[in-house]
Each structure stands twice: as C-alpha cells, then as structure tokens.
Amino acid sequence: MSTQIIPVHQKVPEKIIRHSLNNTIKTIDILDTKLQEKGYHFLKNQQLGRYHFNFYCPNLKIAIEIDGYAHEFQDIHNQDAPKKLFISSLGVTVFRFTDYQVLVDIDEIFRAIKNQIQLSTISSYVV
C-alpha cells in the first residue's frame, strides 16, 4: 500500500482568487439592493472598533459579513476569533453568509434577519 502526501496548503491560482473577489463585490451590491428593497436600513462598509463589516444596522445591532473564498482557509478563520469576542461584548449579532448563499438562497438570509429581530424584541421586553 502506498502513502500519498496531501499538502496542507495548496497554492491557489491568482485567477481563482480574482474571480472570487469580483464575485464578492457583486454579491455585496446584490445584497445591498435587496436589503433596501425589503426596507432594511443597513449601513454599507461599516467599522466597529477596528473591525470592518459589509453591513451594519445600529438600531438592530446586526452586522452582516459576506465571506468570499479567503474565509475557507483555517488561518483566516482563526484570525476572526478576537473579532468575535470584541463584537459579542458590544451585544452585536453577526451573520456570516457566503457569496453562494446570497446568489442562490437570499430568502434564507432574510429569514435569519427576521428571526433575529423577533428574538431581540422578545429579549428586550422588561416586566
């Protein structure tokens, strides 16, 4: 039986990375348009502390990130840990969607947002 060595990191061709970046920009624009059409007031390209988000709604304390190809790498995913701690300390809920989700199942994105709004309305109710 032969052993096959599988490299941990494979070099990704620049063509694939550029394609992913171009599609991410398009999906951000698509989601921005759909959010406006649905009456959601999200600010585009917002910064909380030193961290950037594709969309942020201060009233709802919801941030949205569109993850492109780079977020599939473990290194990038691990770099997000401090960001997650900081943002959760502010009471902000962060939704992370892929380019693919925006293009194929945008209705699920709106279900998630509506669900979070309902949860935050219930939890902010004081007796």
C-alpha atoms as a PDB file:
ATOM      1  CA  MET A   1       0.000   0.000   0.000  1.00  0.00           C
ATOM      2  CA  SER A   2       1.459   3.371  -0.995  1.00  0.00           C
ATOM      3  CA  THR A   3       1.200   6.513   1.063  1.00  0.00           C
ATOM      4  CA  GLN A   4       0.062   9.669  -0.629  1.00  0.00           C
ATOM      5  CA  ILE A   5       1.171  13.004   0.786  1.00  0.00           C
ATOM      6  CA  ILE A   6      -1.543  15.599   0.730  1.00  0.00           C
ATOM      7  CA  PRO A   7      -0.267  19.163   1.136  1.00  0.00           C
ATOM      8  CA  VAL A   8      -1.894  21.156   3.930  1.00  0.00           C
ATOM      9  CA  HIS A   9      -1.785  24.367   1.931  1.00  0.00           C
ATOM     10  CA  GLN A  10      -2.163  24.303  -1.793  1.00  0.00           C
ATOM     11  CA  LYS A  11      -1.257  27.384  -3.761  1.00  0.00           C
ATOM     12  CA  VAL A  12      -4.401  28.844  -5.224  1.00  0.00           C
ATOM     13  CA  PRO A  13      -4.106  30.271  -8.715  1.00  0.00           C
ATOM     14  CA  GLU A  14      -4.442  34.046  -8.897  1.00  0.00           C
ATOM     15  CA  LYS A  15      -7.210  33.637 -11.474  1.00  0.00           C
ATOM     16  CA  ILE A  16      -9.420  31.831  -8.933  1.00  0.00           C
ATOM     17  CA  ILE A  17      -8.750  34.416  -6.229  1.00  0.00           C
ATOM     18  CA  ARG A  18      -9.553  37.318  -8.577  1.00  0.00           C
ATOM     19  CA  HIS A  19     -12.771  35.599  -9.683  1.00  0.00           C
ATOM     20  CA  SER A  20     -13.792  35.166  -6.051  1.00  0.00           C
ATOM     21  CA  LEU A  21     -13.038  38.795  -5.199  1.00  0.00           C
ATOM     22  CA  ASN A  22     -15.022  40.044  -8.185  1.00  0.00           C
ATOM     23  CA  ASN A  23     -17.993  37.880  -7.249  1.00  0.00           C
ATOM     24  CA  THR A  24     -17.845  39.025  -3.623  1.00  0.00           C
ATOM     25  CA  ILE A  25     -18.130  42.634  -4.742  1.00  0.00           C
ATOM     26  CA  LYS A  26     -21.110  41.743  -6.937  1.00  0.00           C
ATOM     27  CA  THR A  27     -22.858  39.824  -4.164  1.00  0.00           C
ATOM     28  CA  ILE A  28     -22.376  42.712  -1.724  1.00  0.00           C
ATOM     29  CA  ASP A  29     -24.069  45.015  -4.232  1.00  0.00           C
ATOM     30  CA  ILE A  30     -26.871  42.491  -4.779  1.00  0.00           C
ATOM     31  CA  LEU A  31     -27.484  42.129  -1.040  1.00  0.00           C
ATOM     32  CA  ASP A  32     -27.389  45.907  -0.571  1.00  0.00           C
ATOM     33  CA  THR A  33     -30.091  46.339  -3.202  1.00  0.00           C
ATOM     34  CA  LYS A  34     -32.262  43.568  -1.724  1.00  0.00           C
ATOM     35  CA  LEU A  35     -31.915  44.942   1.830  1.00  0.00           C
ATOM     36  CA  GLN A  36     -33.109  48.341   0.596  1.00  0.00           C
ATOM     37  CA  GLU A  37     -35.987  46.773  -1.361  1.00  0.00           C
ATOM     38  CA  LYS A  38     -37.121  44.923   1.793  1.00  0.00           C
ATOM     39  CA  GLY A  39     -36.980  48.145   3.827  1.00  0.00           C
ATOM     40  CA  TYR A  40     -33.986  47.249   5.992  1.00  0.00           C
ATOM     41  CA  HIS A  41     -31.704  50.156   6.851  1.00  0.00           C
ATOM     42  CA  PHE A  42     -28.205  48.731   6.917  1.00  0.00           C
ATOM     43  CA  LEU A  43     -25.127  50.878   6.505  1.00  0.00           C
ATOM     44  CA  LYS A  44     -22.651  49.524   3.979  1.00  0.00           C
ATOM     45  CA  ASN A  45     -18.935  49.027   4.738  1.00  0.00           C
ATOM     46  CA  GLN A  46     -19.077  49.929   8.413  1.00  0.00           C
ATOM     47  CA  GLN A  47     -16.421  49.768  11.086  1.00  0.00           C
ATOM     48  CA  LEU A  48     -16.953  48.729  14.713  1.00  0.00           C
ATOM     49  CA  GLY A  49     -13.800  49.325  16.699  1.00  0.00           C
ATOM     50  CA  ARG A  50     -11.038  48.228  14.377  1.00  0.00           C
ATOM     51  CA  TYR A  51     -13.160  45.640  12.591  1.00  0.00           C
ATOM     52  CA  HIS A  52     -14.980  46.078   9.300  1.00  0.00           C
ATOM     53  CA  PHE A  53     -18.327  44.642   8.238  1.00  0.00           C
ATOM     54  CA  ASN A  54     -20.050  44.636   4.887  1.00  0.00           C
ATOM     55  CA  PHE A  55     -23.298  45.807   6.519  1.00  0.00           C
ATOM     56  CA  TYR A  56     -24.305  47.108   9.948  1.00  0.00           C
ATOM     57  CA  CYS A  57     -27.615  48.230  11.412  1.00  0.00           C
ATOM     58  CA  PRO A  58     -27.041  50.192  14.637  1.00  0.00           C
ATOM     59  CA  ASN A  59     -30.736  50.093  15.623  1.00  0.00           C
ATOM     60  CA  LEU A  60     -30.925  46.307  15.405  1.00  0.00           C
ATOM     61  CA  LYS A  61     -27.276  45.702  16.422  1.00  0.00           C
ATOM     62  CA  ILE A  62     -26.890  43.316  13.492  1.00  0.00           C
ATOM     63  CA  ALA A  63     -23.788  43.095  11.334  1.00  0.00           C
ATOM     64  CA  ILE A  64     -23.525  41.086   8.135  1.00  0.00           C
ATOM     65  CA  GLU A  65     -20.361  39.737   6.561  1.00  0.00           C
ATOM     66  CA  ILE A  66     -20.190  38.210   3.126  1.00  0.00           C
ATOM     67  CA  ASP A  67     -17.450  35.614   3.168  1.00  0.00           C
ATOM     68  CA  GLY A  68     -15.570  35.002  -0.017  1.00  0.00           C
ATOM     69  CA  TYR A  69     -13.017  32.411  -0.919  1.00  0.00           C
ATOM     70  CA  ALA A  70     -10.380  33.560   1.598  1.00  0.00           C
ATOM     71  CA  HIS A  71     -12.537  32.636   4.594  1.00  0.00           C
ATOM     72  CA  GLU A  72     -12.314  28.984   3.633  1.00  0.00           C
ATOM     73  CA  PHE A  73      -8.711  28.915   4.865  1.00  0.00           C
ATOM     74  CA  GLN A  74      -8.179  27.932   8.503  1.00  0.00           C
ATOM     75  CA  ASP A  75      -5.646  30.763   9.033  1.00  0.00           C
ATOM     76  CA  ILE A  76      -8.194  33.410   8.104  1.00  0.00           C
ATOM     77  CA  HIS A  77     -10.896  31.727  10.177  1.00  0.00           C
ATOM     78  CA  ASN A  78      -8.597  31.687  13.244  1.00  0.00           C
ATOM     79  CA  GLN A  79      -7.799  35.378  12.824  1.00  0.00           C
ATOM     80  CA  ASP A  80     -11.500  36.131  13.330  1.00  0.00           C
ATOM     81  CA  ALA A  81     -11.507  34.878  16.972  1.00  0.00           C
ATOM     82  CA  PRO A  82     -10.542  38.224  18.614  1.00  0.00           C
ATOM     83  CA  LYS A  83     -13.042  39.966  16.363  1.00  0.00           C
ATOM     84  CA  LYS A  84     -15.810  37.629  17.549  1.00  0.00           C
ATOM     85  CA  LEU A  85     -15.007  38.316  21.223  1.00  0.00           C
ATOM     86  CA  PHE A  86     -14.960  42.086  20.761  1.00  0.00           C
ATOM     87  CA  ILE A  87     -18.156  42.238  18.735  1.00  0.00           C
ATOM     88  CA  SER A  88     -20.078  39.971  21.115  1.00  0.00           C
ATOM     89  CA  SER A  89     -19.015  42.242  24.008  1.00  0.00           C
ATOM     90  CA  LEU A  90     -20.859  45.064  22.204  1.00  0.00           C
ATOM     91  CA  GLY A  91     -24.026  42.977  22.007  1.00  0.00           C
ATOM     92  CA  VAL A  92     -23.887  42.852  18.213  1.00  0.00           C
ATOM     93  CA  THR A  93     -25.117  39.780  16.363  1.00  0.00           C
ATOM     94  CA  VAL A  94     -23.017  38.939  13.325  1.00  0.00           C
ATOM     95  CA  PHE A  95     -24.372  36.962  10.405  1.00  0.00           C
ATOM     96  CA  ARG A  96     -21.864  35.416   8.048  1.00  0.00           C
ATOM     97  CA  PHE A  97     -23.093  34.389   4.645  1.00  0.00           C
ATOM     98  CA  THR A  98     -21.188  33.108   1.653  1.00  0.00           C
ATOM     99  CA  ASP A  99     -21.288  34.575  -1.823  1.00  0.00           C
ATOM    100  CA  TYR A 100     -23.109  31.437  -2.862  1.00  0.00           C
ATOM    101  CA  GLN A 101     -25.870  31.933  -0.275  1.00  0.00           C
ATOM    102  CA  VAL A 102     -26.504  35.471  -1.486  1.00  0.00           C
ATOM    103  CA  LEU A 103     -26.731  34.339  -5.090  1.00  0.00           C
ATOM    104  CA  VAL A 104     -28.718  31.137  -4.553  1.00  0.00           C
ATOM    105  CA  ASP A 105     -30.780  31.449  -1.355  1.00  0.00           C
ATOM    106  CA  ILE A 106     -31.223  35.096  -0.448  1.00  0.00           C
ATOM    107  CA  ASP A 107     -34.593  34.280   1.135  1.00  0.00           C
ATOM    108  CA  GLU A 108     -32.770  32.339   3.869  1.00  0.00           C
ATOM    109  CA  ILE A 109     -30.755  35.460   4.658  1.00  0.00           C
ATOM    110  CA  PHE A 110     -33.945  37.438   5.195  1.00  0.00           C
ATOM    111  CA  ARG A 111     -35.441  34.652   7.330  1.00  0.00           C
ATOM    112  CA  ALA A 112     -32.344  34.796   9.554  1.00  0.00           C
ATOM    113  CA  ILE A 113     -32.575  38.582   9.883  1.00  0.00           C
ATOM    114  CA  LYS A 114     -36.314  38.468  10.673  1.00  0.00           C
ATOM    115  CA  ASN A 115     -35.727  35.730  13.241  1.00  0.00           C
ATOM    116  CA  GLN A 116     -33.008  37.784  14.968  1.00  0.00           C
ATOM    117  CA  ILE A 117     -35.269  40.842  15.062  1.00  0.00           C
ATOM    118  CA  GLN A 118     -38.014  38.762  16.698  1.00  0.00           C
ATOM    119  CA  LEU A 119     -35.550  37.317  19.230  1.00  0.00           C
ATOM    120  CA  SER A 120     -34.164  40.728  20.131  1.00  0.00           C
ATOM    121  CA  THR A 121     -37.703  42.124  20.533  1.00  0.00           C
ATOM    122  CA  ILE A 122     -38.611  39.294  22.891  1.00  0.00           C
ATOM    123  CA  SER A 123     -35.408  39.533  24.929  1.00  0.00           C
ATOM    124  CA  SER A 124     -35.651  43.325  25.294  1.00  0.00           C
ATOM    125  CA  TYR A 125     -39.120  43.066  26.825  1.00  0.00           C
ATOM    126  CA  VAL A 126     -38.949  44.054  30.504  1.00  0.00           C
ATOM    127  CA  VAL A 127     -41.581  43.056  33.075  1.00  0.00           C
END
